[in-house]
Amino acid sequence: MESETKESRQTRMESILKNQFAPQSFSLTDVSLEHAGHPGMTKGSKETHFRLQMVSSKFIGKSTVENHRAVYAELGEEFKKGLHALEMDLSSPEHQSN
């Protein structure tokens, strides 16, 4: 039975990403308001653009493209349901930006 409470897209994304990537560092920011008035954005558009910064051991030995594909694969349903853009800064612990 589905929950009566509707989770926000950000909450769902955080849960998926934290469960799949067990990040050492994590930040997911809704930047949708920065895109208000852009083509394709309607007044009712919410939670469409996000900025993700994540450090995970799951990225060790992987290329940037492989890391991005892994994240996109986990969030495929969110993109189908209205997520429009995801800016990503992904790294493994040994390549973490300071």
N, C-alpha and C. Protein backbone atom coordinates (compact mmCIF):
# COMPACT_ATOMS: atom_id res chain seq x y z
N MET A 1 0.84 -1.19 0.00
CA MET A 1 0.00 0.00 0.00
C MET A 1 0.88 1.24 0.00
N GLU A 2 0.57 2.21 -0.89
CA GLU A 2 1.36 3.40 -1.00
C GLU A 2 1.07 4.35 0.14
N SER A 3 2.09 5.09 0.54
CA SER A 3 1.96 6.04 1.63
C SER A 3 1.05 7.19 1.21
N GLU A 4 0.28 7.69 2.16
CA GLU A 4 -0.60 8.82 1.90
C GLU A 4 0.20 10.11 1.78
N THR A 5 1.36 10.16 2.41
CA THR A 5 2.19 11.35 2.39
C THR A 5 3.04 11.35 1.13
N LYS A 6 3.00 12.47 0.41
CA LYS A 6 3.79 12.57 -0.81
C LYS A 6 5.13 13.20 -0.47
N GLU A 7 6.19 12.43 -0.70
CA GLU A 7 7.53 12.93 -0.45
C GLU A 7 7.92 13.93 -1.54
N SER A 8 8.77 14.87 -1.18
CA SER A 8 9.29 15.79 -2.18
C SER A 8 10.29 15.05 -3.06
N ARG A 9 10.49 15.58 -4.26
CA ARG A 9 11.48 14.98 -5.16
C ARG A 9 12.86 14.99 -4.50
N GLN A 10 13.19 16.08 -3.82
CA GLN A 10 14.50 16.16 -3.18
C GLN A 10 14.68 15.06 -2.13
N THR A 11 13.66 14.80 -1.34
CA THR A 11 13.72 13.75 -0.33
C THR A 11 13.90 12.38 -0.98
N ARG A 12 13.16 12.12 -2.04
CA ARG A 12 13.29 10.85 -2.75
C ARG A 12 14.69 10.69 -3.33
N MET A 13 15.19 11.74 -3.96
CA MET A 13 16.53 11.69 -4.56
C MET A 13 17.60 11.46 -3.51
N GLU A 14 17.49 12.18 -2.39
CA GLU A 14 18.47 12.00 -1.31
C GLU A 14 18.48 10.56 -0.82
N SER A 15 17.31 9.99 -0.63
CA SER A 15 17.20 8.62 -0.15
C SER A 15 17.83 7.63 -1.14
N ILE A 16 17.49 7.77 -2.40
CA ILE A 16 18.04 6.88 -3.44
C ILE A 16 19.55 6.98 -3.49
N LEU A 17 20.07 8.19 -3.56
CA LEU A 17 21.51 8.38 -3.72
C LEU A 17 22.29 7.94 -2.49
N LYS A 18 21.77 8.25 -1.31
CA LYS A 18 22.47 7.83 -0.09
C LYS A 18 22.46 6.31 0.05
N ASN A 19 21.35 5.68 -0.29
CA ASN A 19 21.27 4.21 -0.20
C ASN A 19 22.18 3.52 -1.21
N GLN A 20 22.27 4.06 -2.40
CA GLN A 20 23.04 3.40 -3.47
C GLN A 20 24.53 3.71 -3.43
N PHE A 21 24.90 4.91 -2.96
CA PHE A 21 26.29 5.33 -3.04
C PHE A 21 26.99 5.47 -1.69
N ALA A 22 26.26 5.37 -0.58
CA ALA A 22 26.85 5.47 0.77
C ALA A 22 27.92 6.56 0.82
N PRO A 23 27.54 7.80 0.52
CA PRO A 23 28.54 8.85 0.40
C PRO A 23 29.20 9.26 1.72
N GLN A 24 30.47 9.65 1.61
CA GLN A 24 31.19 10.21 2.75
C GLN A 24 30.84 11.69 2.90
N SER A 25 30.48 12.31 1.79
CA SER A 25 30.08 13.71 1.77
C SER A 25 28.93 13.83 0.77
N PHE A 26 27.92 14.65 1.13
CA PHE A 26 26.73 14.71 0.28
C PHE A 26 26.04 16.06 0.42
N SER A 27 25.70 16.65 -0.71
CA SER A 27 24.91 17.88 -0.73
C SER A 27 24.04 17.87 -1.98
N LEU A 28 22.75 18.03 -1.80
CA LEU A 28 21.80 18.11 -2.92
C LEU A 28 21.00 19.39 -2.73
N THR A 29 21.13 20.31 -3.67
CA THR A 29 20.51 21.63 -3.56
C THR A 29 19.53 21.84 -4.70
N ASP A 30 18.32 22.26 -4.35
CA ASP A 30 17.30 22.59 -5.34
C ASP A 30 17.61 23.99 -5.88
N VAL A 31 17.95 24.08 -7.15
CA VAL A 31 18.28 25.37 -7.77
C VAL A 31 17.23 25.74 -8.83
N SER A 32 16.04 25.20 -8.70
CA SER A 32 14.98 25.43 -9.69
C SER A 32 14.64 26.90 -9.85
N LEU A 33 14.64 27.66 -8.77
CA LEU A 33 14.28 29.08 -8.86
C LEU A 33 15.25 29.86 -9.72
N GLU A 34 16.50 29.41 -9.82
CA GLU A 34 17.48 30.08 -10.68
C GLU A 34 17.10 29.96 -12.15
N HIS A 35 16.19 29.06 -12.46
CA HIS A 35 15.82 28.80 -13.86
C HIS A 35 14.40 29.28 -14.18
N ALA A 36 13.78 29.99 -13.25
CA ALA A 36 12.44 30.53 -13.48
C ALA A 36 12.47 31.44 -14.70
N GLY A 37 11.49 31.29 -15.56
CA GLY A 37 11.41 32.11 -16.76
C GLY A 37 12.15 31.53 -17.96
N HIS A 38 12.91 30.48 -17.76
CA HIS A 38 13.59 29.83 -18.88
C HIS A 38 12.56 29.06 -19.71
N PRO A 39 12.86 28.85 -21.00
CA PRO A 39 11.94 28.05 -21.83
C PRO A 39 11.66 26.69 -21.19
N GLY A 40 10.42 26.30 -21.22
CA GLY A 40 10.03 25.00 -20.66
C GLY A 40 9.66 25.05 -19.19
N MET A 41 9.97 26.15 -18.53
CA MET A 41 9.63 26.29 -17.11
C MET A 41 8.30 27.02 -16.99
N THR A 42 7.33 26.37 -16.36
CA THR A 42 6.03 27.00 -16.15
C THR A 42 5.95 27.49 -14.72
N LYS A 43 4.93 28.27 -14.42
CA LYS A 43 4.77 28.78 -13.05
C LYS A 43 4.68 27.66 -12.03
N GLY A 44 4.10 26.54 -12.43
CA GLY A 44 3.92 25.42 -11.51
C GLY A 44 5.12 24.49 -11.42
N SER A 45 6.17 24.77 -12.19
CA SER A 45 7.34 23.88 -12.18
C SER A 45 8.04 23.96 -10.83
N LYS A 46 8.22 22.80 -10.22
CA LYS A 46 8.90 22.72 -8.93
C LYS A 46 9.90 21.59 -8.96
N GLU A 47 10.98 21.75 -8.23
CA GLU A 47 11.98 20.69 -8.07
C GLU A 47 12.38 20.08 -9.42
N THR A 48 12.81 20.95 -10.33
CA THR A 48 13.19 20.50 -11.67
C THR A 48 14.69 20.54 -11.91
N HIS A 49 15.41 21.37 -11.16
CA HIS A 49 16.85 21.55 -11.35
C HIS A 49 17.56 21.39 -10.00
N PHE A 50 18.59 20.55 -9.98
CA PHE A 50 19.33 20.31 -8.74
C PHE A 50 20.83 20.36 -8.98
N ARG A 51 21.55 20.66 -7.91
CA ARG A 51 23.01 20.62 -7.90
C ARG A 51 23.42 19.56 -6.88
N LEU A 52 24.21 18.59 -7.32
CA LEU A 52 24.65 17.48 -6.47
C LEU A 52 26.16 17.51 -6.30
N GLN A 53 26.59 17.45 -5.05
CA GLN A 53 28.00 17.27 -4.72
C GLN A 53 28.07 16.01 -3.86
N MET A 54 28.87 15.03 -4.31
CA MET A 54 28.90 13.77 -3.59
C MET A 54 30.29 13.14 -3.70
N VAL A 55 30.78 12.65 -2.55
CA VAL A 55 32.03 11.90 -2.48
C VAL A 55 31.66 10.50 -2.04
N SER A 56 32.06 9.51 -2.84
CA SER A 56 31.72 8.12 -2.54
C SER A 56 32.83 7.18 -2.96
N SER A 57 33.05 6.16 -2.15
CA SER A 57 34.02 5.11 -2.49
C SER A 57 33.58 4.33 -3.73
N LYS A 58 32.29 4.40 -4.06
CA LYS A 58 31.77 3.70 -5.24
C LYS A 58 32.35 4.29 -6.53
N PHE A 59 32.95 5.48 -6.44
CA PHE A 59 33.51 6.14 -7.62
C PHE A 59 35.00 5.82 -7.83
N ILE A 60 35.59 5.06 -6.92
CA ILE A 60 37.01 4.72 -7.04
C ILE A 60 37.25 3.94 -8.33
N GLY A 61 38.23 4.39 -9.10
CA GLY A 61 38.60 3.71 -10.34
C GLY A 61 37.66 3.92 -11.50
N LYS A 62 36.68 4.80 -11.34
CA LYS A 62 35.69 5.06 -12.39
C LYS A 62 35.96 6.42 -13.03
N SER A 63 35.60 6.53 -14.30
CA SER A 63 35.73 7.81 -15.01
C SER A 63 34.56 8.72 -14.63
N THR A 64 34.70 10.00 -14.95
CA THR A 64 33.63 10.96 -14.71
C THR A 64 32.35 10.52 -15.42
N VAL A 65 32.48 10.07 -16.65
CA VAL A 65 31.31 9.63 -17.42
C VAL A 65 30.64 8.43 -16.75
N GLU A 66 31.43 7.47 -16.28
CA GLU A 66 30.87 6.30 -15.60
C GLU A 66 30.14 6.72 -14.32
N ASN A 67 30.69 7.66 -13.59
CA ASN A 67 30.05 8.14 -12.36
C ASN A 67 28.72 8.82 -12.68
N HIS A 68 28.72 9.67 -13.69
CA HIS A 68 27.49 10.37 -14.07
C HIS A 68 26.43 9.37 -14.54
N ARG A 69 26.84 8.41 -15.33
CA ARG A 69 25.88 7.39 -15.80
C ARG A 69 25.28 6.61 -14.64
N ALA A 70 26.09 6.31 -13.64
CA ALA A 70 25.59 5.56 -12.48
C ALA A 70 24.52 6.37 -11.74
N VAL A 71 24.76 7.67 -11.58
CA VAL A 71 23.78 8.53 -10.91
C VAL A 71 22.52 8.64 -11.76
N TYR A 72 22.67 8.90 -13.05
CA TYR A 72 21.50 8.99 -13.94
C TYR A 72 20.69 7.70 -13.91
N ALA A 73 21.35 6.56 -13.88
CA ALA A 73 20.64 5.28 -13.84
C ALA A 73 19.77 5.16 -12.60
N GLU A 74 20.29 5.62 -11.47
CA GLU A 74 19.53 5.54 -10.21
C GLU A 74 18.36 6.52 -10.19
N LEU A 75 18.48 7.62 -10.91
CA LEU A 75 17.44 8.67 -10.87
C LEU A 75 16.56 8.67 -12.12
N GLY A 76 16.60 7.60 -12.90
CA GLY A 76 15.83 7.53 -14.14
C GLY A 76 14.36 7.84 -13.97
N GLU A 77 13.75 7.29 -12.93
CA GLU A 77 12.31 7.53 -12.69
C GLU A 77 12.03 8.99 -12.40
N GLU A 78 12.93 9.66 -11.69
CA GLU A 78 12.72 11.08 -11.39
C GLU A 78 12.79 11.92 -12.67
N PHE A 79 13.69 11.57 -13.58
CA PHE A 79 13.75 12.29 -14.86
C PHE A 79 12.47 12.07 -15.65
N LYS A 80 11.90 10.88 -15.59
CA LYS A 80 10.64 10.60 -16.28
C LYS A 80 9.49 11.39 -15.68
N LYS A 81 9.61 11.76 -14.41
CA LYS A 81 8.52 12.44 -13.69
C LYS A 81 8.73 13.94 -13.57
N GLY A 82 9.69 14.52 -14.31
CA GLY A 82 9.80 15.98 -14.32
C GLY A 82 11.14 16.56 -13.90
N LEU A 83 12.05 15.76 -13.40
CA LEU A 83 13.39 16.27 -13.13
C LEU A 83 14.00 16.64 -14.47
N HIS A 84 14.47 17.88 -14.59
CA HIS A 84 14.94 18.37 -15.89
C HIS A 84 16.46 18.41 -15.99
N ALA A 85 17.12 18.82 -14.90
CA ALA A 85 18.58 18.98 -14.97
C ALA A 85 19.22 18.65 -13.63
N LEU A 86 20.41 18.05 -13.71
CA LEU A 86 21.17 17.71 -12.52
C LEU A 86 22.64 18.04 -12.77
N GLU A 87 23.11 19.08 -12.10
CA GLU A 87 24.52 19.46 -12.18
C GLU A 87 25.27 18.62 -11.15
N MET A 88 26.33 17.94 -11.57
CA MET A 88 27.01 17.00 -10.66
C MET A 88 28.48 17.32 -10.48
N ASP A 89 28.91 17.24 -9.23
CA ASP A 89 30.33 17.29 -8.85
C ASP A 89 30.54 16.01 -8.04
N LEU A 90 31.08 14.98 -8.69
CA LEU A 90 31.22 13.67 -8.07
C LEU A 90 32.70 13.32 -7.96
N SER A 91 33.08 12.71 -6.84
CA SER A 91 34.47 12.29 -6.70
C SER A 91 34.58 11.14 -5.70
N SER A 92 35.71 10.46 -5.78
CA SER A 92 36.03 9.43 -4.80
C SER A 92 36.82 10.10 -3.68
N PRO A 93 36.93 9.46 -2.51
CA PRO A 93 37.61 10.10 -1.38
C PRO A 93 39.03 10.57 -1.70
N GLU A 94 39.78 9.82 -2.50
CA GLU A 94 41.16 10.23 -2.77
C GLU A 94 41.26 11.38 -3.77
N HIS A 95 40.16 11.68 -4.46
CA HIS A 95 40.15 12.79 -5.42
C HIS A 95 39.23 13.92 -4.98
N GLN A 96 38.89 13.94 -3.72
CA GLN A 96 37.96 14.93 -3.18
C GLN A 96 38.53 16.33 -3.32
N SER A 97 37.67 17.25 -3.80
CA SER A 97 38.05 18.67 -3.89
C SER A 97 38.10 19.26 -2.50
N ASN A 98 39.07 20.12 -2.27
CA ASN A 98 39.16 20.78 -0.96
C ASN A 98 38.64 22.18 -1.03
